[in-house]
N, C-alpha and C. Protein backbone atom coordinates (compact mmCIF):
# COMPACT_ATOMS: atom_id res chain seq x y z
N MET A 1 -8.15 2.57 -13.63
CA MET A 1 -8.40 2.50 -12.53
C MET A 1 -9.45 3.86 -12.45
N THR A 2 -10.40 3.68 -12.13
CA THR A 2 -11.81 4.63 -12.48
C THR A 2 -12.09 5.67 -11.22
N GLU A 3 -11.90 6.51 -11.24
CA GLU A 3 -12.18 7.31 -9.77
C GLU A 3 -13.86 8.04 -9.92
N ILE A 4 -14.79 7.48 -8.95
CA ILE A 4 -16.04 8.02 -9.46
C ILE A 4 -16.67 8.64 -7.66
N GLY A 5 -16.95 9.73 -7.82
CA GLY A 5 -17.14 10.20 -6.35
C GLY A 5 -16.42 10.17 -5.62
N GLY A 6 -15.05 9.99 -5.66
CA GLY A 6 -13.59 9.75 -4.88
C GLY A 6 -13.29 8.48 -3.74
N LYS A 7 -14.40 7.62 -4.81
CA LYS A 7 -14.04 6.11 -5.17
C LYS A 7 -12.83 5.74 -5.95
N TYR A 8 -12.13 4.77 -5.52
CA TYR A 8 -11.85 4.16 -7.06
C TYR A 8 -12.18 2.73 -7.09
N GLN A 9 -12.67 2.24 -8.56
CA GLN A 9 -13.59 1.49 -8.32
C GLN A 9 -12.43 0.35 -9.22
N VAL A 10 -12.36 -1.02 -8.75
CA VAL A 10 -11.17 -1.28 -9.60
C VAL A 10 -11.62 -2.84 -10.68
N GLY A 11 -11.72 -1.95 -11.71
CA GLY A 11 -12.37 -3.34 -12.77
C GLY A 11 -11.07 -3.78 -13.81
N ASP A 12 -10.17 -3.20 -13.80
CA ASP A 12 -9.42 -3.55 -14.96
C ASP A 12 -8.34 -4.66 -14.23
N GLU A 13 -8.11 -5.59 -14.59
CA GLU A 13 -7.08 -5.72 -13.46
C GLU A 13 -5.91 -6.01 -13.84
N GLN A 14 -5.59 -5.84 -14.87
CA GLN A 14 -3.77 -5.14 -15.28
C GLN A 14 -3.45 -3.70 -14.62
N GLU A 15 -4.68 -3.51 -13.99
CA GLU A 15 -3.82 -1.57 -13.31
C GLU A 15 -3.41 -1.92 -11.57
N ILE A 16 -3.95 -3.08 -11.23
CA ILE A 16 -4.06 -3.04 -9.38
C ILE A 16 -2.79 -3.88 -9.81
N GLY A 17 -1.50 -3.47 -9.18
CA GLY A 17 -0.91 -4.46 -9.71
C GLY A 17 0.29 -5.08 -10.77
N GLU A 18 0.02 -3.85 -10.97
CA GLU A 18 0.82 -3.77 -13.03
C GLU A 18 2.33 -3.85 -12.85
N ASN A 19 2.58 -3.20 -11.78
CA ASN A 19 4.10 -3.10 -11.53
C ASN A 19 4.95 -4.58 -11.07
N TYR A 20 3.81 -4.99 -10.06
CA TYR A 20 4.47 -6.81 -9.15
C TYR A 20 4.29 -8.14 -10.27
N SER A 21 5.49 -9.06 -10.06
CA SER A 21 5.18 -9.93 -10.87
C SER A 21 4.82 -10.76 -8.97
N MET A 22 3.92 -11.54 -9.91
CA MET A 22 3.81 -12.79 -8.80
C MET A 22 4.85 -12.64 -7.43
N THR A 23 4.29 -12.85 -6.00
CA THR A 23 5.44 -12.38 -5.03
C THR A 23 4.46 -12.69 -3.85
N ASN A 24 5.44 -13.01 -2.55
CA ASN A 24 5.55 -13.65 -1.06
C ASN A 24 4.92 -12.07 -0.27
N LEU A 25 3.78 -12.22 -0.16
CA LEU A 25 2.80 -11.34 0.64
C LEU A 25 2.85 -11.51 2.56
N ILE A 26 3.39 -10.70 3.11
CA ILE A 26 2.83 -10.53 4.52
C ILE A 26 1.88 -9.53 4.93
N ILE A 27 0.33 -9.57 5.69
CA ILE A 27 -0.33 -8.64 5.75
C ILE A 27 -0.20 -8.85 7.70
N PHE A 28 0.16 -7.02 7.98
CA PHE A 28 -0.31 -7.52 9.57
C PHE A 28 -1.42 -6.56 9.81
N ASP A 29 -1.96 -7.39 11.04
CA ASP A 29 -3.07 -6.57 11.31
C ASP A 29 -2.07 -5.32 12.62
N LYS A 30 -2.84 -4.59 12.87
CA LYS A 30 -2.03 -3.36 13.10
C LYS A 30 -2.14 -3.07 15.00
N ASP A 31 -3.25 -2.64 15.34
CA ASP A 31 -3.31 -2.93 16.79
C ASP A 31 -3.03 -4.24 17.57
N GLN A 32 -1.95 -3.72 18.42
CA GLN A 32 -1.61 -5.08 19.71
C GLN A 32 -1.56 -6.19 18.74
N THR A 33 -0.51 -6.04 17.38
CA THR A 33 0.15 -6.87 16.45
C THR A 33 1.52 -6.20 16.30
N LEU A 34 1.55 -4.58 16.08
CA LEU A 34 2.28 -4.24 15.66
C LEU A 34 3.16 -2.92 17.38
N VAL A 35 1.96 -2.57 17.58
CA VAL A 35 2.19 -1.38 18.47
C VAL A 35 0.69 -1.41 19.10
N ASP A 36 1.30 -0.99 19.90
CA ASP A 36 0.06 -0.56 21.18
C ASP A 36 0.02 0.97 21.31
N SER A 37 -0.66 1.47 22.50
CA SER A 37 -1.12 2.98 23.14
C SER A 37 0.23 3.01 23.45
N LEU A 38 1.18 4.18 23.12
CA LEU A 38 2.28 4.41 23.99
C LEU A 38 1.69 4.93 25.87
N CYS A 39 0.86 5.17 25.62
CA CYS A 39 0.41 6.35 26.94
C CYS A 39 -0.57 5.36 27.82
N GLY A 40 -0.18 3.88 27.70
CA GLY A 40 -0.89 2.58 28.39
C GLY A 40 -2.49 2.81 28.68
N GLU A 41 -3.03 3.93 27.35
CA GLU A 41 -4.72 3.38 27.68
C GLU A 41 -4.66 2.03 26.82
N ARG A 42 -6.26 1.56 26.52
CA ARG A 42 -6.22 0.58 26.20
C ARG A 42 -6.69 0.41 24.58
N PHE A 43 -6.53 2.23 24.23
CA PHE A 43 -7.14 1.94 23.15
C PHE A 43 -6.15 3.43 22.48
N ILE A 44 -6.04 2.93 21.14
CA ILE A 44 -4.41 4.45 20.82
C ILE A 44 -5.68 5.92 20.63
N GLN A 45 -5.18 7.13 21.64
CA GLN A 45 -5.43 7.96 21.83
C GLN A 45 -4.96 9.43 20.75
N SER A 46 -4.00 8.95 20.02
CA SER A 46 -4.04 10.42 18.91
C SER A 46 -2.53 9.51 17.74
N PRO A 47 -2.58 10.19 17.02
CA PRO A 47 -2.20 9.49 15.68
C PRO A 47 -0.12 9.30 16.48
N THR A 48 0.16 10.40 17.29
CA THR A 48 1.77 9.58 17.57
C THR A 48 1.54 8.81 19.07
N ASP A 49 0.34 8.22 19.52
CA ASP A 49 0.49 7.86 20.82
C ASP A 49 0.31 6.06 20.25
N GLN A 50 1.68 5.85 19.19
CA GLN A 50 1.61 4.36 19.44
C GLN A 50 3.00 3.99 19.68
N ALA A 51 3.39 2.68 20.38
CA ALA A 51 4.72 2.48 21.04
C ALA A 51 4.93 0.82 20.12
N ILE A 52 5.96 0.73 19.25
CA ILE A 52 6.78 -0.61 19.07
C ILE A 52 5.95 -1.93 19.95
N LEU A 53 5.64 -2.97 20.02
CA LEU A 53 5.66 -4.14 20.82
C LEU A 53 6.46 -4.25 20.56
N PRO A 54 7.19 -5.00 21.52
CA PRO A 54 8.17 -5.41 21.67
C PRO A 54 8.05 -7.13 20.48
N GLY A 55 9.65 -7.30 19.86
CA GLY A 55 9.71 -8.43 18.45
C GLY A 55 8.80 -7.93 17.36
N ALA A 56 8.29 -6.72 17.33
CA ALA A 56 7.86 -6.52 16.08
C ALA A 56 8.34 -6.23 15.24
N ALA A 57 9.46 -5.25 15.69
CA ALA A 57 10.40 -4.78 14.42
C ALA A 57 11.06 -5.35 13.85
N GLU A 58 11.74 -6.54 14.61
CA GLU A 58 12.94 -7.16 14.63
C GLU A 58 11.73 -8.43 13.46
N ALA A 59 10.26 -8.96 13.63
CA ALA A 59 9.74 -9.28 12.58
C ALA A 59 9.54 -9.03 11.33
N VAL A 60 9.45 -7.43 11.19
CA VAL A 60 9.30 -6.73 10.29
C VAL A 60 10.09 -6.94 9.46
N GLN A 61 11.45 -6.64 10.35
CA GLN A 61 12.77 -6.84 9.01
C GLN A 61 12.68 -7.74 8.46
N SER A 62 12.77 -8.75 9.38
CA SER A 62 13.49 -10.20 8.98
C SER A 62 13.06 -10.39 7.42
N PHE A 63 11.54 -10.39 7.87
CA PHE A 63 10.32 -10.79 6.33
C PHE A 63 11.15 -9.80 5.50
N TYR A 64 11.47 -8.85 5.56
CA TYR A 64 11.41 -7.86 4.40
C TYR A 64 12.76 -8.41 4.10
N GLU A 65 13.78 -8.70 5.07
CA GLU A 65 14.92 -9.05 4.09
C GLU A 65 15.01 -10.76 3.47
N ARG A 66 14.21 -11.21 4.11
CA ARG A 66 13.65 -12.66 3.05
C ARG A 66 12.95 -12.33 2.01
N GLY A 67 12.51 -10.98 1.07
CA GLY A 67 12.24 -10.87 0.37
C GLY A 67 10.63 -10.94 -0.10
N PHE A 68 10.02 -10.41 1.15
CA PHE A 68 8.18 -10.31 1.51
C PHE A 68 7.83 -9.29 0.83
N ARG A 69 6.85 -8.94 0.61
CA ARG A 69 5.95 -7.18 0.63
C ARG A 69 5.30 -7.52 1.86
N ILE A 70 5.14 -6.29 2.45
CA ILE A 70 4.57 -6.06 4.17
C ILE A 70 3.40 -5.43 3.76
N ALA A 71 2.25 -5.30 4.38
CA ALA A 71 1.48 -4.60 4.51
C ALA A 71 0.42 -4.46 5.49
N ILE A 72 -0.39 -3.51 5.82
CA ILE A 72 -1.38 -3.49 7.05
C ILE A 72 -2.47 -3.43 6.40
N ALA A 73 -3.50 -4.13 7.40
CA ALA A 73 -5.32 -4.22 7.25
C ALA A 73 -5.60 -4.19 8.91
N SER A 74 -5.82 -3.01 8.82
CA SER A 74 -6.68 -2.28 10.18
C SER A 74 -8.05 -2.00 9.82
N ASN A 75 -9.28 -2.32 11.26
CA ASN A 75 -10.51 -1.82 11.40
C ASN A 75 -10.73 -0.64 11.21
N GLN A 76 -10.06 -0.45 12.46
CA GLN A 76 -10.43 1.22 12.85
C GLN A 76 -11.76 1.38 13.08
N GLY A 77 -12.83 0.86 13.88
CA GLY A 77 -14.19 1.13 13.71
C GLY A 77 -14.38 2.48 14.81
N GLY A 78 -13.00 2.37 15.25
CA GLY A 78 -13.54 4.09 16.00
C GLY A 78 -13.75 5.21 15.44
N VAL A 79 -13.75 5.33 14.51
CA VAL A 79 -14.08 6.38 13.25
C VAL A 79 -15.66 6.40 12.90
N GLU A 80 -16.08 5.90 12.81
CA GLU A 80 -17.70 5.39 13.16
C GLU A 80 -18.48 5.47 14.50
N ALA A 81 -17.30 4.72 15.28
CA ALA A 81 -17.68 5.13 16.83
C ALA A 81 -17.91 6.43 17.23
N ARG A 82 -17.29 7.02 16.32
CA ARG A 82 -17.35 8.47 16.65
C ARG A 82 -16.30 8.40 17.88
N LYS A 83 -14.99 8.14 17.90
CA LYS A 83 -14.26 7.71 19.04
C LYS A 83 -12.82 8.80 18.27
N LYS A 84 -12.69 8.37 17.17
CA LYS A 84 -11.54 9.59 16.23
C LYS A 84 -12.13 10.18 15.46
N THR A 85 -11.42 11.15 14.32
CA THR A 85 -11.72 10.87 12.90
C THR A 85 -11.42 10.46 11.63
N LEU A 86 -12.26 10.38 10.65
CA LEU A 86 -11.47 9.71 9.68
C LEU A 86 -10.12 10.58 9.60
N GLU A 87 -9.76 11.85 9.28
CA GLU A 87 -8.66 12.07 9.01
C GLU A 87 -7.31 11.29 10.12
N SER A 88 -7.67 11.52 11.55
CA SER A 88 -6.96 11.52 12.53
C SER A 88 -6.58 9.63 12.30
N ALA A 89 -7.34 8.68 12.04
CA ALA A 89 -6.85 7.45 11.59
C ALA A 89 -6.06 7.23 10.22
N ILE A 90 -6.44 8.10 9.30
CA ILE A 90 -5.21 8.74 8.08
C ILE A 90 -3.85 8.21 8.65
N GLU A 91 -3.96 9.41 9.47
CA GLU A 91 -2.70 9.94 10.35
C GLU A 91 -2.22 8.85 11.18
N GLU A 92 -3.14 8.31 11.80
CA GLU A 92 -2.53 7.13 12.78
C GLU A 92 -1.93 6.08 11.87
N MET A 93 -2.28 5.62 11.12
CA MET A 93 -1.58 4.93 9.47
C MET A 93 -0.67 5.60 9.18
N ARG A 94 -0.20 6.46 8.97
CA ARG A 94 1.05 6.91 8.08
C ARG A 94 1.90 7.13 9.19
N PHE A 95 1.35 7.01 10.76
CA PHE A 95 2.81 7.30 11.88
C PHE A 95 3.15 5.96 11.83
N CYS A 96 2.29 4.68 12.00
CA CYS A 96 2.77 3.66 12.02
C CYS A 96 4.06 2.80 10.68
N LEU A 97 3.36 3.64 9.58
CA LEU A 97 4.10 3.13 8.43
C LEU A 97 5.59 3.73 8.86
N PHE A 98 5.44 5.09 9.65
CA PHE A 98 6.74 5.52 9.87
C PHE A 98 7.40 5.12 10.73
N LEU A 99 7.07 4.16 11.75
CA LEU A 99 7.10 3.55 12.79
C LEU A 99 8.02 2.54 11.90
N PHE A 100 7.30 1.78 11.01
CA PHE A 100 7.76 0.60 10.53
C PHE A 100 8.28 1.24 8.67
N PRO A 101 9.25 1.68 8.27
CA PRO A 101 9.36 2.63 7.46
C PRO A 101 9.85 1.18 6.05
N VAL A 102 9.88 0.34 5.86
CA VAL A 102 9.94 -1.36 4.98
C VAL A 102 8.20 -1.37 4.50
N ILE A 103 7.28 -1.06 5.13
CA ILE A 103 6.14 -1.21 5.37
C ILE A 103 5.55 -0.08 3.91
N GLU A 104 5.20 -0.51 3.28
CA GLU A 104 4.30 0.47 2.00
C GLU A 104 3.13 0.97 2.43
N THR A 105 2.07 0.07 2.65
CA THR A 105 0.64 -0.28 2.44
C THR A 105 0.47 0.27 3.48
N GLY A 106 -1.06 1.23 4.06
CA GLY A 106 -1.74 0.21 5.30
C GLY A 106 -3.43 0.58 4.35
N LEU A 107 -4.52 -0.23 4.75
CA LEU A 107 -5.27 -0.24 4.50
C LEU A 107 -6.02 -0.17 6.07
N ILE A 108 -7.31 0.77 6.13
CA ILE A 108 -8.15 0.94 7.10
C ILE A 108 -9.71 0.50 6.57
N ALA A 109 -9.95 0.10 7.53
CA ALA A 109 -12.00 -0.27 6.72
C ALA A 109 -12.73 0.79 8.14
N PRO A 110 -12.85 1.60 8.02
CA PRO A 110 -13.61 2.97 9.33
C PRO A 110 -15.02 2.74 9.52
N ASN A 111 -15.41 1.60 8.24
CA ASN A 111 -17.02 1.86 8.55
C ASN A 111 -18.07 0.62 8.46
N TYR A 112 -18.10 0.29 9.72
CA TYR A 112 -19.13 -0.57 10.02
C TYR A 112 -19.16 -1.75 8.58
N SER A 113 -19.99 -1.45 8.29
CA SER A 113 -20.69 -1.62 6.58
C SER A 113 -20.00 -2.35 5.97
N GLY A 114 -18.30 -1.93 6.05
CA GLY A 114 -17.43 -2.90 5.09
C GLY A 114 -17.53 -2.28 3.79
N GLU A 115 -18.16 -1.85 3.32
CA GLU A 115 -18.32 -1.55 1.95
C GLU A 115 -17.18 -1.09 1.12
N SER A 116 -16.46 -0.31 1.69
CA SER A 116 -15.22 0.49 1.09
C SER A 116 -14.14 0.67 2.85
N ALA A 117 -13.26 0.79 1.38
CA ALA A 117 -11.93 1.18 2.92
C ALA A 117 -10.71 2.57 2.36
N TRP A 118 -9.62 2.40 3.15
CA TRP A 118 -9.07 3.53 2.41
C TRP A 118 -7.75 3.10 2.49
N GLU A 119 -6.99 3.03 1.32
CA GLU A 119 -5.43 2.72 0.90
C GLU A 119 -4.71 4.37 1.44
N ILE A 120 -3.54 3.74 2.32
CA ILE A 120 -2.95 4.96 2.38
C ILE A 120 -1.20 4.25 2.27
N THR A 121 -0.66 5.37 2.41
CA THR A 121 1.08 5.42 2.04
C THR A 121 1.52 6.97 2.78
N GLN A 122 2.46 7.22 3.12
CA GLN A 122 3.61 8.33 3.39
C GLN A 122 2.65 9.34 2.87
N THR A 123 2.24 9.81 1.45
CA THR A 123 1.95 10.24 1.28
C THR A 123 0.63 10.51 0.24
N THR A 124 -0.12 9.57 0.11
CA THR A 124 -1.05 9.38 -0.54
C THR A 124 -2.74 8.93 0.49
N ALA A 125 -3.64 8.95 0.17
CA ALA A 125 -4.89 8.60 0.70
C ALA A 125 -5.84 8.67 -0.35
N LYS A 126 -6.33 7.28 -0.19
CA LYS A 126 -7.72 7.18 -1.10
C LYS A 126 -8.84 5.87 -0.91
N GLU A 127 -9.75 6.62 -0.75
CA GLU A 127 -10.85 5.49 -0.73
C GLU A 127 -11.42 4.50 -1.91
N ILE A 128 -11.21 3.25 -1.74
CA ILE A 128 -10.98 2.22 -2.73
C ILE A 128 -12.29 1.31 -2.15
N SER A 129 -12.82 0.84 -3.09
CA SER A 129 -14.02 -0.20 -3.12
C SER A 129 -13.99 -1.14 -4.44
N GLY A 130 -14.63 -2.34 -4.62
CA GLY A 130 -14.76 -2.67 -5.83
C GLY A 130 -15.44 -4.23 -4.85
N ASP A 131 -15.53 -5.56 -6.01
CA ASP A 131 -16.02 -6.40 -5.74
C ASP A 131 -14.31 -7.78 -4.79
N PHE A 132 -14.39 -7.55 -3.40
CA PHE A 132 -13.20 -8.08 -2.94
C PHE A 132 -13.89 -8.68 -1.60
N GLY A 133 -15.53 -8.38 -1.70
CA GLY A 133 -16.24 -8.81 0.00
C GLY A 133 -16.21 -7.60 0.76
N SER A 134 -16.58 -7.79 1.83
CA SER A 134 -16.20 -6.95 2.76
C SER A 134 -14.76 -6.47 3.61
N PHE A 135 -14.65 -5.29 3.37
CA PHE A 135 -13.36 -4.77 3.41
C PHE A 135 -12.82 -4.58 5.40
N ARG A 136 -14.70 -4.85 6.18
CA ARG A 136 -14.20 -4.94 7.40
C ARG A 136 -13.86 -6.40 8.12
N LYS A 137 -13.12 -6.17 8.63
CA LYS A 137 -12.18 -8.15 8.58
C LYS A 137 -13.64 -8.35 10.01
N PRO A 138 -14.47 -9.46 10.09
CA PRO A 138 -13.89 -10.63 9.38
C PRO A 138 -14.17 -10.77 8.11
N GLY A 139 -14.36 -10.01 7.70
CA GLY A 139 -15.12 -10.27 6.09
C GLY A 139 -13.31 -10.35 5.50
N PRO A 140 -12.96 -10.40 4.00
CA PRO A 140 -11.65 -10.57 3.34
C PRO A 140 -11.32 -9.62 2.60
N GLY A 141 -12.20 -8.63 2.64
CA GLY A 141 -11.80 -7.76 1.57
C GLY A 141 -10.69 -6.94 1.50
N MET A 142 -10.28 -6.48 2.68
CA MET A 142 -8.61 -5.73 2.83
C MET A 142 -7.66 -6.76 2.42
N LEU A 143 -7.54 -8.18 2.66
CA LEU A 143 -7.00 -9.25 2.31
C LEU A 143 -7.23 -9.43 0.95
N ASN A 144 -7.94 -9.34 -0.06
CA ASN A 144 -8.04 -10.10 -1.36
C ASN A 144 -7.89 -8.42 -2.04
N TYR A 145 -8.23 -6.95 -1.89
CA TYR A 145 -7.32 -6.11 -2.42
C TYR A 145 -5.76 -6.04 -1.88
N LEU A 146 -5.42 -6.40 -1.24
CA LEU A 146 -4.04 -6.41 -1.14
C LEU A 146 -3.06 -7.73 -1.58
N MET A 147 -4.04 -8.55 -2.11
CA MET A 147 -3.12 -9.66 -2.66
C MET A 147 -3.19 -9.07 -3.89
N LYS A 148 -4.64 -8.47 -4.75
CA LYS A 148 -4.55 -8.14 -5.88
C LYS A 148 -3.41 -6.42 -6.42
N LEU A 149 -3.30 -6.36 -5.33
CA LEU A 149 -2.54 -5.13 -5.18
C LEU A 149 -1.26 -5.37 -5.60
N TYR A 150 -0.37 -6.12 -4.83
CA TYR A 150 0.66 -6.92 -5.13
C TYR A 150 0.93 -7.98 -5.63
N GLN A 151 -0.27 -8.29 -7.00
CA GLN A 151 0.05 -9.81 -7.80
C GLN A 151 0.54 -10.85 -6.53
N SER A 152 -0.34 -11.23 -5.63
CA SER A 152 -0.02 -12.39 -4.69
C SER A 152 -1.27 -13.18 -4.78
N THR A 153 -1.06 -14.21 -4.16
CA THR A 153 -1.80 -15.36 -4.25
C THR A 153 -2.57 -15.24 -2.65
N PRO A 154 -3.63 -16.27 -2.58
CA PRO A 154 -3.40 -16.81 -1.30
C PRO A 154 -2.77 -18.42 -0.76
N SER A 155 -1.86 -18.65 -1.58
CA SER A 155 -0.90 -19.95 -1.20
C SER A 155 -0.02 -18.78 -1.00
N LYS A 156 0.37 -17.85 -1.69
CA LYS A 156 1.83 -16.91 -0.88
C LYS A 156 1.52 -16.28 -0.26
N THR A 157 0.41 -16.04 0.85
CA THR A 157 -0.02 -14.65 1.60
C THR A 157 -0.16 -15.58 2.99
N TRP A 158 0.43 -14.53 3.84
CA TRP A 158 0.17 -14.71 5.51
C TRP A 158 -0.17 -13.75 5.91
N PHE A 159 -1.43 -14.02 6.99
CA PHE A 159 -1.78 -12.78 7.64
C PHE A 159 -1.43 -12.64 8.96
N ILE A 160 -1.51 -11.87 9.64
CA ILE A 160 -0.74 -11.85 10.88
C ILE A 160 -1.85 -10.96 12.36
N GLY A 161 -2.27 -11.49 13.02
CA GLY A 161 -3.07 -10.42 13.88
C GLY A 161 -3.43 -11.05 15.62
N ASP A 162 -3.84 -10.61 15.79
CA ASP A 162 -4.05 -10.96 16.97
C ASP A 162 -5.42 -11.78 17.67
N ARG A 163 -6.45 -11.08 17.02
CA ARG A 163 -8.03 -11.34 17.23
C ARG A 163 -8.76 -12.08 16.70
N PRO A 164 -9.76 -13.18 17.12
CA PRO A 164 -10.72 -14.16 16.29
C PRO A 164 -10.82 -13.54 14.84
N GLU A 165 -11.17 -12.04 14.67
CA GLU A 165 -11.57 -11.38 13.20
C GLU A 165 -10.44 -11.71 12.38
N ASP A 166 -9.12 -11.27 12.44
CA ASP A 166 -7.98 -11.88 12.20
C ASP A 166 -8.15 -12.81 11.38
N GLU A 167 -7.87 -14.20 12.19
CA GLU A 167 -8.47 -15.38 11.93
C GLU A 167 -9.01 -15.83 10.71
N GLN A 168 -10.37 -15.13 10.92
CA GLN A 168 -11.83 -15.76 10.19
C GLN A 168 -11.81 -14.93 9.05
N ALA A 169 -10.93 -13.26 9.16
CA ALA A 169 -10.94 -13.16 7.71
C ALA A 169 -9.90 -13.80 6.79
N ALA A 170 -8.73 -14.33 7.31
CA ALA A 170 -7.65 -14.88 7.05
C ALA A 170 -8.58 -16.32 6.13
N GLU A 171 -9.01 -17.06 6.55
CA GLU A 171 -9.85 -18.36 5.97
C GLU A 171 -11.12 -17.72 5.22
N SER A 172 -11.89 -16.58 5.47
CA SER A 172 -12.68 -16.36 4.32
C SER A 172 -11.41 -15.97 3.04
N ALA A 173 -10.11 -15.02 2.93
CA ALA A 173 -9.70 -14.99 1.75
C ALA A 173 -8.46 -16.77 1.87
N GLY A 174 -8.52 -17.43 1.97
CA GLY A 174 -7.94 -18.60 1.98
C GLY A 174 -6.48 -18.16 2.36
N THR A 175 -5.89 -17.59 3.09
CA THR A 175 -4.70 -17.31 3.25
C THR A 175 -4.55 -18.18 4.66
N GLN A 176 -2.93 -18.00 4.25
CA GLN A 176 -2.48 -19.03 6.07
C GLN A 176 -2.14 -17.19 6.55
N PHE A 177 -2.78 -17.95 7.87
CA PHE A 177 -2.73 -17.26 9.25
C PHE A 177 -1.57 -17.35 10.36
N ILE A 178 -1.26 -16.79 11.06
CA ILE A 178 -0.32 -16.59 12.46
C ILE A 178 -0.46 -15.63 13.35
N ALA A 179 -1.07 -16.45 14.85
CA ALA A 179 -1.15 -15.30 15.79
C ALA A 179 0.33 -14.46 15.77
N ALA A 180 0.21 -13.62 15.84
CA ALA A 180 0.80 -11.72 16.30
C ALA A 180 1.58 -12.13 17.06
N ASP A 181 1.24 -13.09 18.98
CA ASP A 181 2.49 -13.08 19.22
C ASP A 181 3.09 -14.31 19.30
N ILE A 182 2.95 -15.12 18.43
CA ILE A 182 3.55 -16.39 18.30
C ILE A 182 4.99 -15.68 17.23
N VAL A 183 4.85 -14.89 16.28
CA VAL A 183 5.46 -14.20 15.75
C VAL A 183 6.43 -13.25 15.99
N ARG A 184 6.15 -12.41 17.15
CA ARG A 184 6.90 -11.68 17.97
C ARG A 184 7.83 -12.27 19.08
N ALA A 185 7.25 -13.67 19.26
CA ALA A 185 7.84 -14.17 20.34
C ALA A 185 8.53 -14.87 19.43
N ARG A 186 9.28 -15.11 18.50
CA ARG A 186 9.96 -15.46 17.54
C ARG A 186 11.70 -15.05 17.73
N TYR A 187 11.29 -13.68 18.24
CA TYR A 187 12.35 -12.62 18.11
C TYR A 187 12.79 -12.25 19.47
N LEU A 188 11.95 -13.11 20.57
CA LEU A 188 12.25 -13.25 22.18
C LEU A 188 12.54 -14.19 23.02
N PRO A 189 13.45 -14.21 23.70
CA PRO A 189 13.82 -15.21 24.86
C PRO A 189 12.27 -16.23 25.16
N GLY A 190 12.25 -17.32 25.17
CA GLY A 190 11.82 -18.81 25.29
C GLY A 190 10.58 -19.00 24.14
N PHE A 191 10.69 -18.49 22.43
CA PHE A 191 10.37 -18.99 21.52
C PHE A 191 10.58 -20.60 21.59
N SER A 192 11.21 -21.17 22.03
CA SER A 192 11.63 -22.55 22.18
C SER A 192 10.20 -23.46 22.60
N GLU A 193 10.02 -22.84 23.44
CA GLU A 193 8.43 -23.40 23.93
C GLU A 193 7.36 -23.10 23.33
N LEU A 194 7.31 -22.46 22.62
CA LEU A 194 5.84 -22.21 22.12
C LEU A 194 5.64 -23.63 20.91
N GLN A 195 4.28 -23.50 21.05
CA GLN A 195 3.56 -25.17 20.15
C GLN A 195 3.06 -24.92 19.14
N VAL A 196 3.91 -24.31 17.94
CA VAL A 196 3.59 -24.33 16.26
C VAL A 196 3.65 -25.48 15.63
N ASN A 197 2.52 -25.41 14.58
CA ASN A 197 2.97 -26.62 13.40
C ASN A 197 3.76 -26.58 13.18
N VAL A 198 3.54 -27.08 11.78
CA VAL A 198 4.80 -27.36 11.03
C VAL A 198 5.25 -26.07 10.18
N GLU A 199 3.33 -25.93 9.29
CA GLU A 199 3.96 -25.05 8.44
C GLU A 199 4.41 -23.57 9.25
N GLN A 200 3.72 -23.33 10.38
CA GLN A 200 4.31 -21.89 10.94
C GLN A 200 6.00 -22.06 11.34
N LEU A 201 6.02 -23.58 11.65
CA LEU A 201 7.69 -23.24 12.16
C LEU A 201 8.38 -22.91 11.16
N GLU A 202 8.03 -23.48 9.81
CA GLU A 202 8.63 -23.09 8.52
C GLU A 202 8.91 -22.23 7.97
N PHE A 203 7.56 -21.14 8.05
CA PHE A 203 7.00 -19.71 8.21
C PHE A 203 8.41 -18.77 8.78
N LEU A 204 8.69 -19.36 10.03
CA LEU A 204 9.28 -18.40 11.02
C LEU A 204 10.95 -19.06 10.28
N GLU A 205 11.15 -20.07 10.72
CA GLU A 205 11.98 -20.33 10.63
C GLU A 205 12.83 -21.67 8.97
N PRO A 206 12.93 -20.83 8.12
CA PRO A 206 12.88 -21.38 6.64
C PRO A 206 13.88 -21.86 6.49
N GLN A 207 14.79 -21.99 7.30
CA GLN A 207 16.37 -23.32 7.13
C GLN A 207 15.57 -24.36 7.19
N LEU A 208 14.49 -24.14 8.04
CA LEU A 208 14.50 -25.86 9.08
C LEU A 208 13.05 -26.80 7.70
N LYS A 209 13.19 -26.20 6.54
CA LYS A 209 11.85 -26.58 5.45
C LYS A 209 12.59 -27.59 5.34
N GLY A 210 11.35 -28.70 5.48
CA GLY A 210 11.56 -29.87 4.76
C GLY A 210 11.95 -30.90 6.37
N VAL A 211 13.04 -30.44 7.50
CA VAL A 211 13.02 -31.31 8.43
C VAL A 211 12.07 -32.12 8.93
N TYR A 212 10.99 -31.56 9.36
CA TYR A 212 10.47 -32.36 10.41
C TYR A 212 9.48 -33.14 9.24
N ARG A 213 9.22 -33.21 7.82
CA ARG A 213 8.50 -33.64 6.84
C ARG A 213 8.96 -35.11 6.89
N TRP A 214 7.50 -36.00 6.99
CA TRP A 214 7.40 -37.50 6.81
C TRP A 214 6.31 -37.76 6.20
N GLU A 215 6.74 -39.15 5.44
CA GLU A 215 5.53 -40.09 4.94
C GLU A 215 4.27 -40.38 5.79
């Protein structure tokens, strides 16, 4: 991996994901998928102004216990709109990772151009770029980068989000998609009343795999 002007250009396929075997991966959107504003405003006002949405913690823990690697991909266009600083957006993602300690990595795409993103952990933050497509959703860049990072494939990856651009990003990256409210509802009363397709049901209820298959 080569650092050029503060950015990390991905050129060697062995360097990203070299510590991981092929794995099942779940990528979450952040705002209105995992968390919402604690103070009740439409947008999160500060890094600690984040409340876990009902059902989100249970969903994340369940996926972790099933062996999924878990990451976050969030646009964070408020940086370029000058509603928050880049430093604040990075700390906001770090606080979200603190709320969900089994999630290792979060990506943010603060620029409308989508030419780069930031990879964030609890202890590091670095700007990334490369031939992954636009990093800003509905572009597939963040999803493609995370699949490379975790040595996963589109067929082994689910993206969970709440907005049309999340579903479009999943389609562009070739991953499977499921709406965040369906995933959270799995751990809340009334899940049996929701309409889901066979693949989504098997994803949420793996013990049912094959039950609804027919020739």
